[in-house]
């Protein structure tokens, strides 16, 4: 996005907030959220372009609150003031008519405070015309399938109390797989704010090595318990389960949390396991749906103890807790798991005999109160003997408790971390991701 186009969007958004402040009545409160992007999308199949295009999109979410009632409208945002205000004013009038007939919300939280912020993270992405030749040069002879999404994303907030936030970032994600004729594949992601050609070359070279290993005869592994190394992508999948009935204070209070036992200190995790929200990475906005600002860092699990849950203002009001800037879902937005001591070149040697798991999928809670997660291994997973990869494996289903694999059975975490990006594009490009190490676990349970 050109600087003048980005500036026009910000000017129009600010003008929208200022005009709503003038038009609102004395008893009304409102919040306005903006999500906008200018993105290049290119989809690949068999190392050829299947689909490509440029998307310019944006929408406003206007929420009106009055007499403990609330209602919301979502409408397009163009950056053209005359069009945007006409649409917004129509939405405001509709909300005023509708809100009178809605029930009272006893835990409605009104905007408050005077937070303001403005963050602009500029990157160096591939030019749109360079995306295809740059990506395909290294994989032209492979069955390469995936999607590239890159460009600028804008998220902004304003409300009736005068709070205002503006966040823009240049990002790209390349979510891809390298397939063999047998259907086996190596899964990879490459993401950031600055295209690093040497890092891309290194990533593809590593993937090609794993692809060669998939040519070995597949080994069928009987169900049982195995020492297992989980690569960072697999660790990210496991940790992100905590956003679904884990770190939320509301879930803890309502008895739905997998960490309820940890919160009561009836069980503890390994002192090697540390989890925090780290907004200093600049990957996602610190502000939430009410314009509240989270701390730059919030430790959640430290040396195996749960020291903070995620608490939004609604939960705080209902359960007399202190809010800490969590979003409406009380989910992890900028998660980081601290590294350990296991060096890359020591992974296979320390594993010795067991499973090397690159990816997981179909994760779900099998018994949330006990922290049991079920799922399956996916691409490029291998059987290892005496520190050497022997064979790829058929997919396995696992069922295991986080109190075991992040507890007594956690051998170590790697001394390096990888950024595993959010690659979702449903409605809009998702921001952020997980900064996580790999991990080595004893006695991990595979059921099928």
Protein backbone atom coordinates (compact mmCIF):
# COMPACT_ATOMS: atom_id res chain seq x y z
CA UNK A 1 0.00 0.00 0.00
CA UNK A 2 1.32 3.42 -0.91
CA UNK A 3 1.96 5.89 1.92
CA UNK A 4 -0.66 8.36 0.67
CA UNK A 5 -3.29 5.60 0.45
CA UNK A 6 -2.52 4.46 4.00
CA UNK A 7 -2.67 8.07 5.19
CA UNK A 8 -6.06 8.52 3.52
CA UNK A 9 -7.41 5.47 5.35
CA UNK A 10 -6.23 6.82 8.70
CA UNK A 11 -7.63 10.28 8.00
CA UNK A 12 -11.03 8.87 7.03
CA UNK A 13 -11.10 6.62 10.10
CA UNK A 14 -10.24 9.51 12.43
CA UNK A 15 -12.90 11.68 10.82
CA UNK A 16 -15.46 8.91 11.29
CA UNK A 17 -14.70 8.74 15.02
CA UNK A 18 -14.84 12.53 15.41
CA UNK A 19 -18.19 12.75 13.62
CA UNK A 20 -19.69 9.94 15.68
CA UNK A 21 -18.62 11.79 18.83
CA UNK A 22 -20.60 14.80 17.62
CA UNK A 23 -23.66 12.78 16.61
CA UNK A 24 -23.96 10.58 19.70
CA UNK A 25 -26.49 11.43 22.39
CA UNK A 26 -25.61 11.99 26.05
CA UNK A 27 -26.72 8.47 27.02
CA UNK A 28 -25.01 6.61 24.17
CA UNK A 29 -21.58 4.98 24.12
CA UNK A 30 -19.95 3.39 21.09
CA UNK A 31 -16.90 1.51 19.88
CA UNK A 32 -15.55 1.39 16.33
CA UNK A 33 -13.18 -1.30 15.09
CA UNK A 34 -11.46 -1.27 11.72
CA UNK A 35 -9.87 -4.16 9.86
CA UNK A 36 -8.39 -3.43 6.45
CA UNK A 37 -5.82 -4.95 4.13
CA UNK A 38 -4.15 -4.68 0.76
CA UNK A 39 -2.94 -8.20 0.00
CA UNK A 40 -1.44 -10.21 -2.82
CA UNK A 41 -2.70 -13.81 -2.85
CA UNK A 42 -1.08 -16.46 -5.06
CA UNK A 43 -2.06 -20.12 -4.93
CA UNK A 44 0.28 -22.80 -6.29
CA UNK A 45 -0.32 -26.37 -7.42
CA UNK A 46 2.29 -28.69 -8.97
CA UNK A 47 4.78 -25.77 -8.85
CA UNK A 48 2.54 -23.73 -11.14
CA UNK A 49 0.27 -20.79 -10.48
CA UNK A 50 -3.28 -21.95 -9.98
CA UNK A 51 -4.79 -18.62 -8.94
CA UNK A 52 -3.47 -15.13 -8.27
CA UNK A 53 -4.97 -11.78 -7.41
CA UNK A 54 -4.79 -8.59 -5.39
CA UNK A 55 -7.35 -7.86 -2.68
CA UNK A 56 -8.21 -4.41 -1.33
CA UNK A 57 -10.67 -4.90 1.52
CA UNK A 58 -11.83 -3.28 4.72
CA UNK A 59 -14.72 -3.29 7.16
CA UNK A 60 -15.94 -1.35 10.18
CA UNK A 61 -17.67 -2.84 13.21
CA UNK A 62 -19.79 -0.25 14.99
CA UNK A 63 -21.17 -1.19 18.42
CA UNK A 64 -23.76 1.01 20.15
CA UNK A 65 -24.41 0.78 23.90
CA UNK A 66 -27.22 2.43 25.83
CA UNK A 67 -29.08 1.65 29.07
CA UNK A 68 -27.17 -1.64 29.55
CA UNK A 69 -28.08 -2.81 26.07
CA UNK A 70 -25.83 -3.32 23.09
CA UNK A 71 -26.06 -3.98 19.37
CA UNK A 72 -23.59 -4.12 16.49
CA UNK A 73 -23.39 -3.52 12.75
CA UNK A 74 -20.59 -4.38 10.34
CA UNK A 75 -20.18 -2.56 7.03
CA UNK A 76 -17.52 -1.96 4.34
CA UNK A 77 -14.85 0.69 4.82
CA UNK A 78 -13.50 2.25 1.63
CA UNK A 79 -11.41 5.19 2.84
CA UNK A 80 -13.71 7.52 0.89
CA UNK A 81 -15.16 9.79 3.56
CA UNK A 82 -18.47 10.57 1.89
CA UNK A 83 -19.26 6.90 1.24
CA UNK A 84 -18.03 5.71 4.63
CA UNK A 85 -19.94 8.31 6.64
CA UNK A 86 -23.19 7.74 4.77
CA UNK A 87 -22.92 3.99 5.47
CA UNK A 88 -21.94 4.57 9.11
CA UNK A 89 -24.79 7.02 9.77
CA UNK A 90 -27.33 4.59 8.31
CA UNK A 91 -25.93 1.87 10.59
CA UNK A 92 -26.12 4.20 13.61
CA UNK A 93 -29.78 4.96 12.95
CA UNK A 94 -30.60 1.28 12.55
CA UNK A 95 -28.85 0.48 15.83
CA UNK A 96 -30.80 3.19 17.65
CA UNK A 97 -34.05 1.66 16.48
CA UNK A 98 -32.99 -1.89 17.29
CA UNK A 99 -31.36 -1.45 20.69
CA UNK A 100 -34.62 -0.47 22.43
CA UNK A 101 -36.00 -3.98 21.89
CA UNK A 102 -32.95 -5.91 23.14
CA UNK A 103 -32.53 -7.43 26.63
CA UNK A 104 -30.38 -5.86 29.32
CA UNK A 105 -26.85 -7.26 29.60
CA UNK A 106 -25.90 -7.31 33.32
CA UNK A 107 -22.19 -7.69 32.55
CA UNK A 108 -21.94 -5.12 29.77
CA UNK A 109 -18.64 -3.25 29.95
CA UNK A 110 -18.61 0.30 28.64
CA UNK A 111 -15.50 1.87 27.12
CA UNK A 112 -13.42 3.82 29.61
CA UNK A 113 -9.95 5.26 29.98
CA UNK A 114 -7.85 7.41 27.70
CA UNK A 115 -5.55 4.95 25.97
CA UNK A 116 -4.07 5.96 22.63
CA UNK A 117 -1.44 4.31 20.47
CA UNK A 118 -0.06 4.44 16.96
CA UNK A 119 2.21 1.67 15.63
CA UNK A 120 3.44 1.37 12.07
CA UNK A 121 5.65 -1.62 11.28
CA UNK A 122 7.12 -1.30 7.81
CA UNK A 123 8.62 -4.33 6.11
CA UNK A 124 10.28 -5.26 2.87
CA UNK A 125 8.08 -7.70 1.01
CA UNK A 126 8.45 -9.16 -2.45
CA UNK A 127 7.04 -6.96 -5.18
CA UNK A 128 3.82 -8.50 -6.49
CA UNK A 129 5.41 -9.28 -9.85
CA UNK A 130 8.37 -10.99 -8.13
CA UNK A 131 6.33 -13.41 -5.99
CA UNK A 132 5.96 -16.17 -8.56
CA UNK A 133 9.50 -16.32 -10.01
CA UNK A 134 11.14 -15.96 -6.59
CA UNK A 135 9.12 -18.72 -4.91
CA UNK A 136 9.06 -21.18 -7.79
CA UNK A 137 12.73 -20.98 -8.76
CA UNK A 138 13.78 -23.39 -6.00
CA UNK A 139 10.85 -25.80 -6.33
CA UNK A 140 10.23 -25.92 -10.09
CA UNK A 141 11.12 -29.64 -10.22
CA UNK A 142 8.93 -30.56 -7.21
CA UNK A 143 5.24 -31.11 -6.58
CA UNK A 144 4.93 -27.83 -4.70
CA UNK A 145 1.48 -26.79 -3.45
CA UNK A 146 0.63 -23.83 -1.26
CA UNK A 147 -0.49 -20.24 -0.91
CA UNK A 148 1.38 -16.97 -0.56
CA UNK A 149 -0.35 -14.04 1.14
CA UNK A 150 1.44 -10.76 1.61
CA UNK A 151 0.79 -7.07 2.05
CA UNK A 152 -0.24 -4.50 4.62
CA UNK A 153 -2.85 -5.16 7.32
CA UNK A 154 -4.49 -2.35 9.29
CA UNK A 155 -6.29 -2.73 12.60
CA UNK A 156 -7.68 0.31 14.41
CA UNK A 157 -10.01 1.26 17.24
CA UNK A 158 -11.87 4.32 18.47
CA UNK A 159 -14.66 4.92 20.99
CA UNK A 160 -16.97 7.44 22.65
CA UNK A 161 -14.47 8.08 25.45
CA UNK A 162 -11.84 9.33 23.04
CA UNK A 163 -9.62 6.27 23.04
CA UNK A 164 -7.92 5.73 19.69
CA UNK A 165 -5.49 3.13 18.35
CA UNK A 166 -3.88 2.63 14.93
CA UNK A 167 -1.80 -0.44 14.02
CA UNK A 168 -0.38 -1.32 10.60
CA UNK A 169 2.09 -4.00 9.62
CA UNK A 170 3.65 -5.39 6.46
CA UNK A 171 3.65 -9.19 6.60
CA UNK A 172 3.75 -12.24 4.38
CA UNK A 173 3.09 -15.94 4.89
CA UNK A 174 3.93 -18.85 2.60
CA UNK A 175 2.03 -21.98 3.65
CA UNK A 176 3.09 -24.93 1.49
CA UNK A 177 3.63 -28.67 1.08
CA UNK A 178 6.06 -30.70 -1.00
CA UNK A 179 4.46 -33.95 -2.19
CA UNK A 180 5.79 -37.28 -3.38
CA UNK A 181 3.89 -39.39 -5.95
CA UNK A 182 2.94 -41.73 -3.10
CA UNK A 183 1.00 -38.89 -1.45
CA UNK A 184 3.49 -38.42 1.38
CA UNK A 185 4.49 -34.82 1.98
CA UNK A 186 6.66 -32.36 3.84
CA UNK A 187 4.74 -29.42 5.32
CA UNK A 188 6.32 -26.00 5.72
CA UNK A 189 5.65 -22.35 6.51
CA UNK A 190 7.79 -19.31 5.83
CA UNK A 191 6.75 -15.91 7.14
CA UNK A 192 7.89 -12.51 8.28
CA UNK A 193 7.95 -8.81 7.50
CA UNK A 194 11.12 -8.86 5.42
CA UNK A 195 11.68 -11.40 2.64
CA UNK A 196 14.97 -13.15 3.42
CA UNK A 197 16.18 -14.99 0.34
CA UNK A 198 18.93 -16.91 2.13
CA UNK A 199 16.52 -18.08 4.86
CA UNK A 200 14.04 -19.23 2.19
CA UNK A 201 16.76 -21.18 0.40
CA UNK A 202 17.82 -22.83 3.66
CA UNK A 203 14.22 -23.76 4.51
CA UNK A 204 13.59 -25.39 1.12
CA UNK A 205 16.90 -27.27 1.28
CA UNK A 206 15.95 -28.72 4.67
CA UNK A 207 12.54 -29.70 3.32
CA UNK A 208 14.13 -31.45 0.33
CA UNK A 209 16.22 -33.56 2.70
CA UNK A 210 13.08 -34.65 4.55
CA UNK A 211 11.40 -35.35 1.22
CA UNK A 212 14.24 -37.74 0.30
CA UNK A 213 13.80 -39.55 3.61
CA UNK A 214 10.16 -40.17 2.72
CA UNK A 215 11.42 -42.46 -0.08
CA UNK A 216 12.43 -45.00 2.56
CA UNK A 217 10.05 -47.89 3.22
CA UNK A 218 7.30 -46.81 5.59
CA UNK A 219 7.37 -48.40 9.03
CA UNK A 220 4.15 -49.34 10.81
CA UNK A 221 4.34 -48.40 14.47
CA UNK A 222 2.14 -50.34 16.93
CA UNK A 223 0.24 -48.36 19.50
CA UNK A 224 2.12 -47.73 22.71
CA UNK A 225 4.26 -45.20 24.50
CA UNK A 226 7.32 -43.75 22.76
CA UNK A 227 9.96 -41.19 23.39
CA UNK A 228 9.10 -38.37 20.98
CA UNK A 229 10.66 -35.23 19.60
CA UNK A 230 8.10 -32.59 18.58
CA UNK A 231 9.34 -30.00 16.09
CA UNK A 232 8.29 -26.35 16.72
CA UNK A 233 5.28 -26.57 14.35
CA UNK A 234 3.89 -29.46 16.41
CA UNK A 235 4.62 -27.64 19.68
CA UNK A 236 2.72 -24.60 18.39
CA UNK A 237 -0.32 -26.77 17.69
CA UNK A 238 -0.26 -28.16 21.23
CA UNK A 239 0.24 -24.78 22.92
CA UNK A 240 -2.52 -23.14 20.89
CA UNK A 241 -4.96 -25.62 22.41
CA UNK A 242 -4.64 -23.52 25.58
CA UNK A 243 -6.61 -20.76 23.82
CA UNK A 244 -9.57 -23.13 23.79
CA UNK A 245 -10.55 -23.83 27.37
CA UNK A 246 -7.13 -23.30 28.92
CA UNK A 247 -5.76 -19.91 29.93
CA UNK A 248 -9.14 -18.13 30.02
CA UNK A 249 -10.17 -16.93 33.49
CA UNK A 250 -13.84 -17.34 32.55
CA UNK A 251 -13.22 -21.00 31.69
CA UNK A 252 -11.38 -21.51 34.98
CA UNK A 253 -14.25 -19.94 36.93
CA UNK A 254 -16.87 -21.96 35.05
CA UNK A 255 -15.03 -25.27 35.44
CA UNK A 256 -14.27 -25.61 31.73
CA UNK A 257 -10.52 -25.15 31.81
CA UNK A 258 -7.84 -27.75 31.20
CA UNK A 259 -5.66 -25.76 33.60
CA UNK A 260 -8.09 -25.75 36.53
CA UNK A 261 -6.00 -28.37 38.35
CA UNK A 262 -2.89 -26.29 37.70
CA UNK A 263 -4.63 -23.13 38.94
CA UNK A 264 -5.35 -24.88 42.25
CA UNK A 265 -1.77 -26.20 42.37
CA UNK A 266 -3.06 -29.73 42.72
CA UNK A 267 -0.70 -30.54 39.86
CA UNK A 268 2.29 -28.68 38.50
CA UNK A 269 4.10 -28.68 35.18
CA UNK A 270 7.82 -29.07 34.67
CA UNK A 271 9.96 -26.15 35.90
CA UNK A 272 11.40 -26.17 32.35
CA UNK A 273 8.07 -24.99 30.89
CA UNK A 274 7.50 -21.24 30.65
CA UNK A 275 4.75 -19.54 28.63
CA UNK A 276 4.04 -15.84 28.19
CA UNK A 277 2.30 -13.28 26.02
CA UNK A 278 4.97 -11.17 24.34
CA UNK A 279 3.59 -8.11 22.54
CA UNK A 280 7.09 -6.66 22.23
CA UNK A 281 7.48 -8.78 19.10
CA UNK A 282 5.19 -6.25 17.37
CA UNK A 283 3.26 -8.94 15.51
CA UNK A 284 -0.23 -8.03 16.73
CA UNK A 285 -1.85 -4.97 18.35
CA UNK A 286 -1.72 -4.68 22.14
CA UNK A 287 -5.19 -3.14 22.28
CA UNK A 288 -8.34 -5.26 22.58
CA UNK A 289 -12.00 -4.78 21.57
CA UNK A 290 -12.49 -2.09 24.26
CA UNK A 291 -9.30 -0.19 23.50
CA UNK A 292 -7.61 -1.57 26.63
CA UNK A 293 -3.86 -2.12 26.42
CA UNK A 294 -2.21 -5.35 27.53
CA UNK A 295 1.19 -5.18 29.20
CA UNK A 296 4.14 -5.57 26.79
CA UNK A 297 4.82 -8.92 28.46
CA UNK A 298 2.53 -11.07 30.58
CA UNK A 299 3.94 -14.27 32.11
CA UNK A 300 1.30 -17.00 32.20
CA UNK A 301 3.13 -20.16 33.24
CA UNK A 302 6.48 -19.71 34.98
CA UNK A 303 8.59 -22.70 36.01
CA UNK A 304 5.53 -24.91 35.83
CA UNK A 305 3.22 -22.65 37.91
CA UNK A 306 0.17 -20.84 36.52
CA UNK A 307 0.81 -17.28 37.67
CA UNK A 308 -1.63 -15.41 35.40
CA UNK A 309 -4.72 -16.28 33.44
CA UNK A 310 -6.14 -14.08 30.67
CA UNK A 311 -8.86 -11.81 32.06
CA UNK A 312 -10.99 -9.44 30.03
CA UNK A 313 -13.13 -6.70 31.56
CA UNK A 314 -16.36 -8.63 31.23
CA UNK A 315 -14.95 -11.60 33.16
CA UNK A 316 -13.43 -9.22 35.72
CA UNK A 317 -16.85 -7.63 36.28
CA UNK A 318 -18.63 -10.97 36.62
CA UNK A 319 -16.10 -12.64 38.94
CA UNK A 320 -14.58 -9.63 40.73
CA UNK A 321 -11.17 -10.11 39.14
CA UNK A 322 -8.62 -7.65 37.76
CA UNK A 323 -8.62 -7.34 33.98
CA UNK A 324 -5.28 -7.55 32.16
CA UNK A 325 -6.18 -6.47 28.63
CA UNK A 326 -7.28 -9.87 27.32
CA UNK A 327 -9.49 -10.03 24.25
CA UNK A 328 -13.15 -11.06 24.29
CA UNK A 329 -12.20 -14.74 23.85
CA UNK A 330 -9.43 -14.61 26.49
CA UNK A 331 -7.20 -16.37 23.97
CA UNK A 332 -3.46 -16.19 23.39
CA UNK A 333 -2.52 -13.51 20.85
CA UNK A 334 1.27 -13.26 21.06
CA UNK A 335 2.38 -16.48 22.70
CA UNK A 336 5.99 -17.39 23.35
CA UNK A 337 7.37 -20.55 24.96
CA UNK A 338 10.84 -20.09 26.39
CA UNK A 339 13.69 -22.17 24.92
CA UNK A 340 15.59 -24.86 26.79
CA UNK A 341 19.05 -26.40 26.40
CA UNK A 342 18.71 -28.97 23.61
CA UNK A 343 20.87 -28.02 20.61
CA UNK A 344 19.71 -28.73 17.06
CA UNK A 345 22.57 -31.12 16.32
CA UNK A 346 21.80 -33.09 19.50
CA UNK A 347 18.10 -33.72 18.81
CA UNK A 348 18.39 -37.15 17.18
CA UNK A 349 21.21 -38.29 19.45
CA UNK A 350 19.26 -37.38 22.58
CA UNK A 351 16.07 -38.89 21.19
CA UNK A 352 18.08 -42.08 20.53
CA UNK A 353 15.12 -44.36 19.72
CA UNK A 354 11.60 -43.10 19.21
CA UNK A 355 9.51 -40.81 17.04
CA UNK A 356 10.38 -37.55 15.29
CA UNK A 357 7.10 -35.62 14.81
CA UNK A 358 7.14 -32.64 12.45
CA UNK A 359 3.43 -31.80 12.36
CA UNK A 360 0.13 -32.54 14.06
CA UNK A 361 -3.48 -32.11 13.00
CA UNK A 362 -7.09 -32.74 14.09
CA UNK A 363 -6.31 -31.71 17.67
CA UNK A 364 -9.14 -31.72 20.20
CA UNK A 365 -9.71 -32.15 23.90
CA UNK A 366 -10.51 -35.77 24.72
CA UNK A 367 -10.92 -34.99 28.44
CA UNK A 368 -10.50 -31.30 29.12
CA UNK A 369 -10.62 -31.38 32.96
CA UNK A 370 -7.58 -33.69 32.98
CA UNK A 371 -5.85 -31.81 30.15
CA UNK A 372 -6.02 -34.74 27.72
CA UNK A 373 -5.48 -33.84 24.07
CA UNK A 374 -6.09 -36.13 21.12
CA UNK A 375 -4.88 -35.66 17.56
CA UNK A 376 -2.83 -37.22 14.79
CA UNK A 377 0.66 -37.02 13.41
CA UNK A 378 0.79 -35.59 9.92
CA UNK A 379 3.54 -34.91 7.38
CA UNK A 380 7.19 -35.98 7.54
CA UNK A 381 7.15 -37.95 10.77
CA UNK A 382 9.86 -40.58 11.26
CA UNK A 383 11.00 -43.58 13.29
CA UNK A 384 14.46 -43.05 14.80
CA UNK A 385 16.86 -45.72 16.08
CA UNK A 386 20.16 -45.02 17.83
CA UNK A 387 20.09 -41.40 16.74
CA UNK A 388 19.39 -42.06 13.04
CA UNK A 389 16.21 -41.68 11.02
CA UNK A 390 15.26 -45.18 9.84
CA UNK A 391 11.89 -44.77 8.14
CA UNK A 392 8.82 -42.58 7.72
CA UNK A 393 5.78 -43.73 9.68
CA UNK A 394 2.10 -44.14 8.97
CA UNK A 395 -0.12 -41.58 10.68
CA UNK A 396 -0.68 -42.26 14.37
CA UNK A 397 -3.41 -41.04 16.71
CA UNK A 398 -2.32 -39.91 20.15
CA UNK A 399 -4.16 -39.25 23.40
CA UNK A 400 -2.08 -37.70 26.13
CA UNK A 401 -2.33 -35.29 29.06
CA UNK A 402 -0.51 -31.96 29.09
CA UNK A 403 0.25 -32.68 32.75
CA UNK A 404 2.48 -35.50 31.49
CA UNK A 405 4.15 -34.08 28.37
CA UNK A 406 4.68 -30.62 29.92
CA UNK A 407 5.15 -32.20 33.34
CA UNK A 408 7.38 -35.01 34.53
CA UNK A 409 7.85 -36.43 31.01
CA UNK A 410 9.29 -33.23 29.53
CA UNK A 411 12.96 -34.04 28.90
CA UNK A 412 14.00 -30.70 27.43
CA UNK A 413 13.17 -27.91 25.04
CA UNK A 414 15.44 -26.82 22.21
CA UNK A 415 17.77 -23.86 22.66
CA UNK A 416 16.30 -22.27 19.52
CA UNK A 417 12.80 -21.03 18.72
CA UNK A 418 10.86 -20.82 15.46
CA UNK A 419 8.08 -18.45 14.54
CA UNK A 420 5.03 -20.43 13.43
CA UNK A 421 2.66 -17.93 11.75
CA UNK A 422 -1.09 -17.72 11.72
CA UNK A 423 -2.00 -18.46 8.11
CA UNK A 424 -5.78 -18.11 8.24
CA UNK A 425 -7.45 -15.98 5.58
CA UNK A 426 -11.12 -16.52 6.44
CA UNK A 427 -12.78 -13.06 6.15
CA UNK A 428 -9.36 -11.42 6.46
CA UNK A 429 -5.67 -12.25 6.86
CA UNK A 430 -4.85 -13.29 10.40
CA UNK A 431 -1.94 -11.66 12.20
CA UNK A 432 0.61 -13.06 14.62
CA UNK A 433 1.69 -16.56 15.42
CA UNK A 434 3.65 -18.55 17.98
CA UNK A 435 7.32 -18.27 18.93
CA UNK A 436 8.18 -21.73 20.21
CA UNK A 437 11.03 -24.23 20.57
CA UNK A 438 10.95 -27.93 19.79
CA UNK A 439 10.55 -30.33 22.70
CA UNK A 440 11.61 -33.84 23.67
CA UNK A 441 9.16 -35.94 25.69
CA UNK A 442 9.38 -39.35 27.34
CA UNK A 443 6.67 -42.00 27.19
CA UNK A 444 4.18 -40.20 24.90
CA UNK A 445 0.98 -42.22 24.37
CA UNK A 446 -0.14 -43.27 20.89
CA UNK A 447 -3.47 -45.08 20.81
CA UNK A 448 -4.01 -46.07 17.14
